[in-house]
All heavy atoms as atom14 arrays in JSON, in Angstrom:
{
  "sequence": "IAALRERVEPRYWQVVLKRLMYRAASDIARRTRAHALVTGEAIGQVSS",
  "atom14_mask": [
    [1, 1, 1, 1, 1, 1, 1, 1, 0, 0, 0, 0, 0, 0],
    [1, 1, 1, 1, 1, 0, 0, 0, 0, 0, 0, 0, 0, 0],
    [1, 1, 1, 1, 1, 0, 0, 0, 0, 0, 0, 0, 0, 0],
    [1, 1, 1, 1, 1, 1, 1, 1, 0, 0, 0, 0, 0, 0],
    [1, 1, 1, 1, 1, 1, 1, 1, 1, 1, 1, 0, 0, 0],
    [1, 1, 1, 1, 1, 1, 1, 1, 1, 0, 0, 0, 0, 0],
    [1, 1, 1, 1, 1, 1, 1, 1, 1, 1, 1, 0, 0, 0],
    [1, 1, 1, 1, 1, 1, 1, 0, 0, 0, 0, 0, 0, 0],
    [1, 1, 1, 1, 1, 1, 1, 1, 1, 0, 0, 0, 0, 0],
    [1, 1, 1, 1, 1, 1, 1, 0, 0, 0, 0, 0, 0, 0],
    [1, 1, 1, 1, 1, 1, 1, 1, 1, 1, 1, 0, 0, 0],
    [1, 1, 1, 1, 1, 1, 1, 1, 1, 1, 1, 1, 0, 0],
    [1, 1, 1, 1, 1, 1, 1, 1, 1, 1, 1, 1, 1, 1],
    [1, 1, 1, 1, 1, 1, 1, 1, 1, 0, 0, 0, 0, 0],
    [1, 1, 1, 1, 1, 1, 1, 0, 0, 0, 0, 0, 0, 0],
    [1, 1, 1, 1, 1, 1, 1, 0, 0, 0, 0, 0, 0, 0],
    [1, 1, 1, 1, 1, 1, 1, 1, 0, 0, 0, 0, 0, 0],
    [1, 1, 1, 1, 1, 1, 1, 1, 1, 0, 0, 0, 0, 0],
    [1, 1, 1, 1, 1, 1, 1, 1, 1, 1, 1, 0, 0, 0],
    [1, 1, 1, 1, 1, 1, 1, 1, 0, 0, 0, 0, 0, 0],
    [1, 1, 1, 1, 1, 1, 1, 1, 0, 0, 0, 0, 0, 0],
    [1, 1, 1, 1, 1, 1, 1, 1, 1, 1, 1, 1, 0, 0],
    [1, 1, 1, 1, 1, 1, 1, 1, 1, 1, 1, 0, 0, 0],
    [1, 1, 1, 1, 1, 0, 0, 0, 0, 0, 0, 0, 0, 0],
    [1, 1, 1, 1, 1, 0, 0, 0, 0, 0, 0, 0, 0, 0],
    [1, 1, 1, 1, 1, 1, 0, 0, 0, 0, 0, 0, 0, 0],
    [1, 1, 1, 1, 1, 1, 1, 1, 0, 0, 0, 0, 0, 0],
    [1, 1, 1, 1, 1, 1, 1, 1, 0, 0, 0, 0, 0, 0],
    [1, 1, 1, 1, 1, 0, 0, 0, 0, 0, 0, 0, 0, 0],
    [1, 1, 1, 1, 1, 1, 1, 1, 1, 1, 1, 0, 0, 0],
    [1, 1, 1, 1, 1, 1, 1, 1, 1, 1, 1, 0, 0, 0],
    [1, 1, 1, 1, 1, 1, 1, 0, 0, 0, 0, 0, 0, 0],
    [1, 1, 1, 1, 1, 1, 1, 1, 1, 1, 1, 0, 0, 0],
    [1, 1, 1, 1, 1, 0, 0, 0, 0, 0, 0, 0, 0, 0],
    [1, 1, 1, 1, 1, 1, 1, 1, 1, 1, 0, 0, 0, 0],
    [1, 1, 1, 1, 1, 0, 0, 0, 0, 0, 0, 0, 0, 0],
    [1, 1, 1, 1, 1, 1, 1, 1, 0, 0, 0, 0, 0, 0],
    [1, 1, 1, 1, 1, 1, 1, 0, 0, 0, 0, 0, 0, 0],
    [1, 1, 1, 1, 1, 1, 1, 0, 0, 0, 0, 0, 0, 0],
    [1, 1, 1, 1, 0, 0, 0, 0, 0, 0, 0, 0, 0, 0],
    [1, 1, 1, 1, 1, 1, 1, 1, 1, 0, 0, 0, 0, 0],
    [1, 1, 1, 1, 1, 0, 0, 0, 0, 0, 0, 0, 0, 0],
    [1, 1, 1, 1, 1, 1, 1, 1, 0, 0, 0, 0, 0, 0],
    [1, 1, 1, 1, 0, 0, 0, 0, 0, 0, 0, 0, 0, 0],
    [1, 1, 1, 1, 1, 1, 1, 1, 1, 0, 0, 0, 0, 0],
    [1, 1, 1, 1, 1, 1, 1, 0, 0, 0, 0, 0, 0, 0],
    [1, 1, 1, 1, 1, 1, 0, 0, 0, 0, 0, 0, 0, 0],
    [1, 1, 1, 1, 1, 1, 0, 0, 0, 0, 0, 0, 0, 0]
  ],
  "atom14_positions": [
    [[-31.51, 72.72, 137.72], [-31.51, 73.04, 136.29], [-32.16, 74.35, 136.06], [-31.69, 75.1, 135.22], [-32.16, 71.89, 135.57], [-31.25, 70.68, 135.45], [-32.53, 72.29, 134.11], [-31.82, 69.49, 134.69], [0.0, 0.0, 0.0], [0.0, 0.0, 0.0], [0.0, 0.0, 0.0], [0.0, 0.0, 0.0], [0.0, 0.0, 0.0], [0.0, 0.0, 0.0]],
    [[-33.28, 74.63, 136.75], [-33.91, 75.92, 136.6], [-32.96, 77.09, 136.89], [-32.83, 78.09, 136.16], [-35.21, 75.99, 137.37], [0.0, 0.0, 0.0], [0.0, 0.0, 0.0], [0.0, 0.0, 0.0], [0.0, 0.0, 0.0], [0.0, 0.0, 0.0], [0.0, 0.0, 0.0], [0.0, 0.0, 0.0], [0.0, 0.0, 0.0], [0.0, 0.0, 0.0]],
    [[-32.26, 76.92, 137.98], [-31.25, 77.97, 138.38], [-30.14, 78.08, 137.39], [-29.66, 79.17, 137.05], [-30.7, 77.67, 139.8], [0.0, 0.0, 0.0], [0.0, 0.0, 0.0], [0.0, 0.0, 0.0], [0.0, 0.0, 0.0], [0.0, 0.0, 0.0], [0.0, 0.0, 0.0], [0.0, 0.0, 0.0], [0.0, 0.0, 0.0], [0.0, 0.0, 0.0]],
    [[-29.69, 76.95, 136.86], [-28.61, 76.92, 135.88], [-29.05, 77.67, 134.63], [-28.32, 78.52, 134.04], [-28.2, 75.47, 135.58], [-27.07, 75.19, 134.61], [-26.32, 73.89, 135.01], [-27.63, 75.04, 133.21], [0.0, 0.0, 0.0], [0.0, 0.0, 0.0], [0.0, 0.0, 0.0], [0.0, 0.0, 0.0], [0.0, 0.0, 0.0], [0.0, 0.0, 0.0]],
    [[-30.25, 77.38, 134.12], [-30.8, 78.02, 132.92], [-30.85, 79.52, 133.12], [-30.65, 80.31, 132.17], [-32.12, 77.46, 132.58], [-32.13, 76.06, 132.02], [-33.54, 75.62, 131.73], [-33.62, 74.3, 131.17], [-33.43, 73.94, 129.88], [-33.14, 74.88, 129.07], [-33.51, 72.69, 129.54], [0.0, 0.0, 0.0], [0.0, 0.0, 0.0], [0.0, 0.0, 0.0]],
    [[-31.18, 79.98, 134.33], [-31.4, 81.39, 134.6], [-30.11, 82.16, 134.71], [-30.02, 83.3, 134.3], [-32.2, 81.47, 135.84], [-32.52, 82.96, 136.28], [-33.29, 83.01, 137.57], [-33.9, 82.0, 138.03], [-33.31, 84.11, 138.21], [0.0, 0.0, 0.0], [0.0, 0.0, 0.0], [0.0, 0.0, 0.0], [0.0, 0.0, 0.0], [0.0, 0.0, 0.0]],
    [[-29.04, 81.54, 135.19], [-27.84, 82.32, 135.6], [-26.58, 81.96, 134.82], [-25.68, 82.82, 134.8], [-27.58, 82.11, 137.11], [-28.73, 82.58, 137.98], [-28.51, 82.22, 139.4], [-29.79, 82.44, 140.22], [-29.84, 82.19, 141.49], [-28.82, 81.6, 142.18], [-31.0, 82.41, 142.19], [0.0, 0.0, 0.0], [0.0, 0.0, 0.0], [0.0, 0.0, 0.0]],
    [[-26.48, 80.83, 134.25], [-25.24, 80.39, 133.61], [-25.27, 80.64, 132.14], [-26.34, 80.53, 131.52], [-24.93, 78.87, 133.9], [-23.71, 78.41, 133.14], [-24.76, 78.7, 135.41], [0.0, 0.0, 0.0], [0.0, 0.0, 0.0], [0.0, 0.0, 0.0], [0.0, 0.0, 0.0], [0.0, 0.0, 0.0], [0.0, 0.0, 0.0], [0.0, 0.0, 0.0]],
    [[-24.16, 80.99, 131.52], [-24.09, 81.19, 130.07], [-24.48, 79.87, 129.39], [-23.81, 78.84, 129.7], [-22.72, 81.65, 129.71], [-22.53, 82.1, 128.27], [-21.15, 82.66, 127.98], [-20.45, 83.12, 128.85], [-20.85, 82.56, 126.76], [0.0, 0.0, 0.0], [0.0, 0.0, 0.0], [0.0, 0.0, 0.0], [0.0, 0.0, 0.0], [0.0, 0.0, 0.0]],
    [[-25.35, 79.92, 128.36], [-25.86, 78.65, 127.74], [-24.78, 77.72, 127.24], [-24.9, 76.51, 127.41], [-26.75, 79.16, 126.65], [-27.28, 80.43, 127.15], [-26.13, 81.08, 127.95], [0.0, 0.0, 0.0], [0.0, 0.0, 0.0], [0.0, 0.0, 0.0], [0.0, 0.0, 0.0], [0.0, 0.0, 0.0], [0.0, 0.0, 0.0], [0.0, 0.0, 0.0]],
    [[-23.7, 78.25, 126.73], [-22.68, 77.35, 126.1], [-21.93, 76.53, 127.2], [-21.27, 75.55, 126.87], [-21.73, 78.18, 125.24], [-20.73, 79.12, 125.94], [-20.1, 79.98, 124.96], [-19.08, 80.81, 125.58], [-17.78, 80.57, 125.53], [-17.33, 79.49, 124.83], [-16.89, 81.37, 126.09], [0.0, 0.0, 0.0], [0.0, 0.0, 0.0], [0.0, 0.0, 0.0]],
    [[-22.12, 76.96, 128.48], [-21.46, 76.25, 129.57], [-22.48, 75.34, 130.37], [-22.02, 74.71, 131.35], [-20.81, 77.2, 130.52], [-19.52, 77.84, 129.92], [-19.41, 79.23, 129.89], [-18.48, 77.1, 129.46], [-18.25, 79.81, 129.42], [-17.4, 77.71, 128.89], [-17.27, 79.09, 128.95], [-16.13, 79.69, 128.33], [0.0, 0.0, 0.0], [0.0, 0.0, 0.0]],
    [[-23.67, 75.29, 129.89], [-24.68, 74.58, 130.64], [-24.32, 73.13, 130.92], [-24.47, 72.59, 131.95], [-26.02, 74.57, 129.93], [-26.77, 75.9, 130.08], [-26.4, 77.0, 130.9], [-28.06, 76.31, 129.52], [-27.27, 78.0, 130.79], [-28.34, 77.6, 130.0], [-28.95, 75.67, 128.69], [-29.48, 78.3, 129.62], [-30.09, 76.34, 128.34], [-30.34, 77.65, 128.79]],
    [[-23.85, 72.38, 129.81], [-23.57, 71.0, 129.9], [-22.51, 70.72, 130.95], [-22.55, 69.82, 131.74], [-23.17, 70.42, 128.54], [-24.25, 70.63, 127.51], [-25.59, 69.94, 127.81], [-26.66, 70.6, 127.74], [-25.53, 68.71, 128.23], [0.0, 0.0, 0.0], [0.0, 0.0, 0.0], [0.0, 0.0, 0.0], [0.0, 0.0, 0.0], [0.0, 0.0, 0.0]],
    [[-21.45, 71.56, 130.91], [-20.29, 71.34, 131.74], [-20.61, 71.63, 133.16], [-20.28, 70.87, 134.09], [-19.09, 72.14, 131.3], [-17.84, 71.95, 132.15], [-18.74, 71.89, 129.82], [0.0, 0.0, 0.0], [0.0, 0.0, 0.0], [0.0, 0.0, 0.0], [0.0, 0.0, 0.0], [0.0, 0.0, 0.0], [0.0, 0.0, 0.0], [0.0, 0.0, 0.0]],
    [[-21.32, 72.73, 133.41], [-21.72, 73.04, 134.78], [-22.75, 72.02, 135.33], [-22.64, 71.68, 136.52], [-22.37, 74.51, 134.84], [-22.87, 74.81, 136.27], [-21.26, 75.52, 134.44], [0.0, 0.0, 0.0], [0.0, 0.0, 0.0], [0.0, 0.0, 0.0], [0.0, 0.0, 0.0], [0.0, 0.0, 0.0], [0.0, 0.0, 0.0], [0.0, 0.0, 0.0]],
    [[-23.59, 71.53, 134.47], [-24.54, 70.48, 134.89], [-23.77, 69.26, 135.36], [-24.09, 68.7, 136.47], [-25.47, 70.1, 133.74], [-26.41, 68.91, 134.03], [-27.35, 69.2, 135.18], [-27.2, 68.58, 132.76], [0.0, 0.0, 0.0], [0.0, 0.0, 0.0], [0.0, 0.0, 0.0], [0.0, 0.0, 0.0], [0.0, 0.0, 0.0], [0.0, 0.0, 0.0]],
    [[-22.74, 68.81, 134.64], [-21.96, 67.7, 135.04], [-21.28, 67.96, 136.43], [-21.16, 67.1, 137.23], [-20.97, 67.4, 133.99], [-21.48, 66.75, 132.72], [-22.3, 65.51, 132.95], [-21.44, 64.31, 133.35], [-20.69, 63.74, 132.26], [0.0, 0.0, 0.0], [0.0, 0.0, 0.0], [0.0, 0.0, 0.0], [0.0, 0.0, 0.0], [0.0, 0.0, 0.0]],
    [[-20.82, 69.21, 136.59], [-20.19, 69.58, 137.85], [-21.22, 69.38, 139.03], [-20.88, 68.85, 140.08], [-19.7, 71.01, 137.85], [-18.21, 71.11, 137.47], [-17.68, 72.37, 138.15], [-16.37, 72.59, 137.76], [-15.57, 73.52, 138.31], [-16.09, 74.31, 139.25], [-14.35, 73.64, 137.95], [0.0, 0.0, 0.0], [0.0, 0.0, 0.0], [0.0, 0.0, 0.0]],
    [[-22.44, 69.88, 138.81], [-23.43, 69.72, 139.83], [-23.76, 68.33, 140.14], [-23.98, 67.9, 141.29], [-24.72, 70.44, 139.45], [-24.63, 71.99, 139.21], [-25.94, 72.56, 138.82], [-24.13, 72.68, 140.53], [0.0, 0.0, 0.0], [0.0, 0.0, 0.0], [0.0, 0.0, 0.0], [0.0, 0.0, 0.0], [0.0, 0.0, 0.0], [0.0, 0.0, 0.0]],
    [[-23.71, 67.43, 139.08], [-23.95, 66.01, 139.26], [-22.8, 65.35, 140.06], [-23.07, 64.54, 140.95], [-24.12, 65.34, 137.94], [-25.39, 65.65, 137.2], [-25.59, 64.82, 135.65], [-27.24, 65.18, 135.23], [0.0, 0.0, 0.0], [0.0, 0.0, 0.0], [0.0, 0.0, 0.0], [0.0, 0.0, 0.0], [0.0, 0.0, 0.0], [0.0, 0.0, 0.0]],
    [[-21.57, 65.79, 139.8], [-20.46, 65.31, 140.56], [-20.53, 65.67, 142.01], [-20.25, 64.89, 142.89], [-19.15, 65.82, 140.0], [-18.59, 65.02, 138.85], [-19.35, 64.38, 137.91], [-17.14, 64.87, 138.76], [-18.8, 63.61, 136.85], [-16.58, 64.16, 137.68], [-17.4, 63.56, 136.8], [-16.8, 62.83, 135.79], [0.0, 0.0, 0.0], [0.0, 0.0, 0.0]],
    [[-20.97, 66.95, 142.28], [-21.11, 67.35, 143.67], [-22.2, 66.53, 144.39], [-22.07, 66.17, 145.53], [-21.38, 68.87, 143.74], [-20.23, 69.74, 143.23], [-20.4, 71.16, 143.61], [-19.39, 72.0, 142.89], [-18.14, 72.11, 143.25], [-17.69, 71.4, 144.33], [-17.33, 72.87, 142.55], [0.0, 0.0, 0.0], [0.0, 0.0, 0.0], [0.0, 0.0, 0.0]],
    [[-23.3, 66.36, 143.69], [-24.42, 65.59, 144.29], [-23.96, 64.13, 144.54], [-24.3, 63.57, 145.63], [-25.64, 65.64, 143.38], [0.0, 0.0, 0.0], [0.0, 0.0, 0.0], [0.0, 0.0, 0.0], [0.0, 0.0, 0.0], [0.0, 0.0, 0.0], [0.0, 0.0, 0.0], [0.0, 0.0, 0.0], [0.0, 0.0, 0.0], [0.0, 0.0, 0.0]],
    [[-23.3, 63.57, 143.55], [-22.84, 62.14, 143.72], [-21.88, 62.03, 144.88], [-21.86, 61.08, 145.64], [-22.19, 61.75, 142.45], [0.0, 0.0, 0.0], [0.0, 0.0, 0.0], [0.0, 0.0, 0.0], [0.0, 0.0, 0.0], [0.0, 0.0, 0.0], [0.0, 0.0, 0.0], [0.0, 0.0, 0.0], [0.0, 0.0, 0.0], [0.0, 0.0, 0.0]],
    [[-20.97, 63.07, 145.07], [-19.98, 63.04, 146.17], [-20.72, 63.04, 147.49], [-20.32, 62.34, 148.48], [-19.08, 64.23, 146.06], [-18.22, 64.12, 144.88], [0.0, 0.0, 0.0], [0.0, 0.0, 0.0], [0.0, 0.0, 0.0], [0.0, 0.0, 0.0], [0.0, 0.0, 0.0], [0.0, 0.0, 0.0], [0.0, 0.0, 0.0], [0.0, 0.0, 0.0]],
    [[-21.8, 63.76, 147.61], [-22.55, 63.84, 148.83], [-23.18, 62.52, 149.13], [-23.1, 62.03, 150.26], [-23.65, 64.91, 148.78], [-24.44, 65.04, 150.01], [-25.5, 64.27, 150.17], [-24.14, 65.88, 150.87], [0.0, 0.0, 0.0], [0.0, 0.0, 0.0], [0.0, 0.0, 0.0], [0.0, 0.0, 0.0], [0.0, 0.0, 0.0], [0.0, 0.0, 0.0]],
    [[-23.8, 61.85, 148.12], [-24.36, 60.52, 148.32], [-23.31, 59.48, 148.66], [-23.48, 58.58, 149.43], [-25.22, 60.12, 147.1], [-26.31, 61.11, 146.79], [-25.81, 58.76, 147.25], [-27.35, 61.26, 147.94], [0.0, 0.0, 0.0], [0.0, 0.0, 0.0], [0.0, 0.0, 0.0], [0.0, 0.0, 0.0], [0.0, 0.0, 0.0], [0.0, 0.0, 0.0]],
    [[-22.15, 59.63, 147.97], [-21.04, 58.7, 148.26], [-20.57, 58.77, 149.71], [-20.21, 57.74, 150.25], [-19.86, 59.03, 147.34], [0.0, 0.0, 0.0], [0.0, 0.0, 0.0], [0.0, 0.0, 0.0], [0.0, 0.0, 0.0], [0.0, 0.0, 0.0], [0.0, 0.0, 0.0], [0.0, 0.0, 0.0], [0.0, 0.0, 0.0], [0.0, 0.0, 0.0]],
    [[-20.63, 59.9, 150.31], [-20.27, 59.98, 151.72], [-21.33, 59.25, 152.56], [-20.88, 58.63, 153.59], [-20.23, 61.5, 152.19], [-18.97, 62.17, 151.69], [-18.78, 63.53, 152.35], [-19.88, 64.54, 151.87], [-19.7, 65.29, 150.82], [-18.64, 65.24, 150.04], [-20.67, 66.1, 150.53], [0.0, 0.0, 0.0], [0.0, 0.0, 0.0], [0.0, 0.0, 0.0]],
    [[-22.52, 59.27, 152.19], [-23.57, 58.58, 152.94], [-23.45, 57.05, 152.85], [-23.66, 56.28, 153.7], [-25.02, 58.98, 152.48], [-25.26, 60.46, 152.47], [-26.74, 60.73, 152.06], [-26.92, 62.17, 151.66], [-28.11, 62.62, 151.38], [-29.17, 61.86, 151.41], [-28.2, 63.91, 150.92], [0.0, 0.0, 0.0], [0.0, 0.0, 0.0], [0.0, 0.0, 0.0]],
    [[-23.0, 56.6, 151.62], [-22.96, 55.2, 151.32], [-21.57, 54.62, 151.62], [-21.32, 53.41, 151.42], [-23.31, 54.84, 149.89], [-22.38, 55.54, 149.0], [-24.72, 55.32, 149.56], [0.0, 0.0, 0.0], [0.0, 0.0, 0.0], [0.0, 0.0, 0.0], [0.0, 0.0, 0.0], [0.0, 0.0, 0.0], [0.0, 0.0, 0.0], [0.0, 0.0, 0.0]],
    [[-20.62, 55.51, 151.99], [-19.22, 55.11, 152.24], [-18.57, 54.58, 151.04], [-17.79, 53.52, 151.09], [-19.15, 54.18, 153.41], [-19.66, 54.77, 154.71], [-19.53, 53.78, 155.91], [-20.02, 54.37, 157.17], [-20.06, 53.77, 158.3], [-19.6, 52.52, 158.4], [-20.48, 54.37, 159.41], [0.0, 0.0, 0.0], [0.0, 0.0, 0.0], [0.0, 0.0, 0.0]],
    [[-18.88, 55.13, 149.86], [-18.29, 54.67, 148.6], [-16.94, 55.32, 148.44], [-16.74, 56.51, 148.74], [-19.18, 55.0, 147.48], [0.0, 0.0, 0.0], [0.0, 0.0, 0.0], [0.0, 0.0, 0.0], [0.0, 0.0, 0.0], [0.0, 0.0, 0.0], [0.0, 0.0, 0.0], [0.0, 0.0, 0.0], [0.0, 0.0, 0.0], [0.0, 0.0, 0.0]],
    [[-15.96, 54.5, 148.0], [-14.64, 55.03, 147.83], [-14.43, 55.75, 146.46], [-13.38, 56.47, 146.33], [-13.61, 53.87, 147.86], [-13.69, 53.12, 149.13], [-13.36, 53.59, 150.43], [-14.09, 51.83, 149.39], [-13.56, 52.71, 151.3], [-13.99, 51.61, 150.73], [0.0, 0.0, 0.0], [0.0, 0.0, 0.0], [0.0, 0.0, 0.0], [0.0, 0.0, 0.0]],
    [[-15.29, 55.56, 145.49], [-15.09, 56.1, 144.17], [-16.44, 56.35, 143.54], [-17.41, 55.72, 143.84], [-14.24, 55.16, 143.33], [0.0, 0.0, 0.0], [0.0, 0.0, 0.0], [0.0, 0.0, 0.0], [0.0, 0.0, 0.0], [0.0, 0.0, 0.0], [0.0, 0.0, 0.0], [0.0, 0.0, 0.0], [0.0, 0.0, 0.0], [0.0, 0.0, 0.0]],
    [[-16.47, 57.28, 142.54], [-17.61, 57.5, 141.67], [-17.33, 56.79, 140.4], [-16.18, 56.7, 139.89], [-17.82, 58.96, 141.44], [-17.98, 59.88, 142.65], [-18.21, 61.33, 142.26], [-19.17, 59.41, 143.51], [0.0, 0.0, 0.0], [0.0, 0.0, 0.0], [0.0, 0.0, 0.0], [0.0, 0.0, 0.0], [0.0, 0.0, 0.0], [0.0, 0.0, 0.0]],
    [[-18.37, 56.34, 139.71], [-18.27, 55.64, 138.4], [-19.14, 56.37, 137.4], [-20.34, 56.57, 137.66], [-18.71, 54.17, 138.48], [-18.51, 53.44, 137.11], [-17.92, 53.4, 139.56], [0.0, 0.0, 0.0], [0.0, 0.0, 0.0], [0.0, 0.0, 0.0], [0.0, 0.0, 0.0], [0.0, 0.0, 0.0], [0.0, 0.0, 0.0], [0.0, 0.0, 0.0]],
    [[-18.56, 56.7, 136.26], [-19.36, 57.41, 135.22], [-19.18, 56.67, 133.9], [-18.2, 55.89, 133.67], [-18.89, 58.91, 135.03], [-17.72, 58.88, 134.25], [-18.71, 59.56, 136.3], [0.0, 0.0, 0.0], [0.0, 0.0, 0.0], [0.0, 0.0, 0.0], [0.0, 0.0, 0.0], [0.0, 0.0, 0.0], [0.0, 0.0, 0.0], [0.0, 0.0, 0.0]],
    [[-20.04, 56.95, 132.96], [-19.99, 56.34, 131.64], [-19.36, 57.18, 130.57], [-19.56, 57.06, 129.37], [0.0, 0.0, 0.0], [0.0, 0.0, 0.0], [0.0, 0.0, 0.0], [0.0, 0.0, 0.0], [0.0, 0.0, 0.0], [0.0, 0.0, 0.0], [0.0, 0.0, 0.0], [0.0, 0.0, 0.0], [0.0, 0.0, 0.0], [0.0, 0.0, 0.0]],
    [[-18.52, 58.13, 131.05], [-17.94, 59.1, 130.09], [-16.93, 58.4, 129.22], [-16.18, 57.57, 129.68], [-17.25, 60.19, 130.87], [-18.25, 61.13, 131.61], [-17.68, 61.88, 132.73], [-16.73, 61.37, 133.39], [-18.19, 63.0, 133.06], [0.0, 0.0, 0.0], [0.0, 0.0, 0.0], [0.0, 0.0, 0.0], [0.0, 0.0, 0.0], [0.0, 0.0, 0.0]],
    [[-16.92, 58.83, 127.9], [-15.9, 58.29, 126.91], [-15.41, 59.55, 126.12], [-16.2, 60.43, 125.8], [-16.55, 57.32, 126.01], [0.0, 0.0, 0.0], [0.0, 0.0, 0.0], [0.0, 0.0, 0.0], [0.0, 0.0, 0.0], [0.0, 0.0, 0.0], [0.0, 0.0, 0.0], [0.0, 0.0, 0.0], [0.0, 0.0, 0.0], [0.0, 0.0, 0.0]],
    [[-14.17, 59.56, 125.85], [-13.53, 60.73, 125.22], [-14.27, 61.09, 123.86], [-14.41, 60.25, 123.04], [-12.08, 60.49, 124.93], [-11.3, 60.34, 126.28], [-11.45, 61.62, 124.1], [-9.81, 59.93, 126.09], [0.0, 0.0, 0.0], [0.0, 0.0, 0.0], [0.0, 0.0, 0.0], [0.0, 0.0, 0.0], [0.0, 0.0, 0.0], [0.0, 0.0, 0.0]],
    [[-14.67, 62.32, 123.83], [-15.24, 62.85, 122.59], [-16.62, 62.34, 122.2], [-17.14, 62.68, 121.1], [0.0, 0.0, 0.0], [0.0, 0.0, 0.0], [0.0, 0.0, 0.0], [0.0, 0.0, 0.0], [0.0, 0.0, 0.0], [0.0, 0.0, 0.0], [0.0, 0.0, 0.0], [0.0, 0.0, 0.0], [0.0, 0.0, 0.0], [0.0, 0.0, 0.0]],
    [[-17.31, 61.54, 123.11], [-18.58, 60.99, 122.72], [-19.63, 62.13, 122.65], [-20.48, 62.13, 121.74], [-19.01, 59.9, 123.66], [-20.14, 59.1, 123.14], [-20.37, 57.89, 123.95], [-21.46, 57.73, 124.56], [-19.44, 57.01, 124.0], [0.0, 0.0, 0.0], [0.0, 0.0, 0.0], [0.0, 0.0, 0.0], [0.0, 0.0, 0.0], [0.0, 0.0, 0.0]],
    [[-19.59, 63.01, 123.55], [-20.44, 64.18, 123.52], [-19.61, 65.43, 123.92], [-18.45, 65.27, 124.28], [-21.66, 64.1, 124.53], [-22.6, 62.95, 124.08], [-21.2, 63.88, 125.97], [0.0, 0.0, 0.0], [0.0, 0.0, 0.0], [0.0, 0.0, 0.0], [0.0, 0.0, 0.0], [0.0, 0.0, 0.0], [0.0, 0.0, 0.0], [0.0, 0.0, 0.0]],
    [[-20.21, 66.57, 123.79], [-19.39, 67.84, 123.88], [-18.74, 68.0, 125.24], [-17.65, 68.52, 125.39], [-20.33, 69.04, 123.62], [-21.4, 69.06, 124.57], [0.0, 0.0, 0.0], [0.0, 0.0, 0.0], [0.0, 0.0, 0.0], [0.0, 0.0, 0.0], [0.0, 0.0, 0.0], [0.0, 0.0, 0.0], [0.0, 0.0, 0.0], [0.0, 0.0, 0.0]],
    [[-19.4, 67.55, 126.33], [-18.88, 67.69, 127.65], [-17.71, 66.75, 128.0], [-17.12, 66.82, 129.0], [-19.96, 67.56, 128.71], [-20.47, 66.21, 128.75], [0.0, 0.0, 0.0], [0.0, 0.0, 0.0], [0.0, 0.0, 0.0], [0.0, 0.0, 0.0], [0.0, 0.0, 0.0], [0.0, 0.0, 0.0], [0.0, 0.0, 0.0], [0.0, 0.0, 0.0]]
  ]
}
C-alpha cells in the first residue's frame, strides 16, 4: 500500500489495490491447491 500511494495515480488506487489482492490470492491458491477464488464483489456497490 505504501508503494501504491507513492507511485500510482490516486484515482486508480482502489482498482490497482484489488489487482494486487487478486495476485496475492492467486499465489496462496497455488499453495492450497484451490481451484477458484471467491470474492464478495457486487455490481455497483462500491467504485471498484
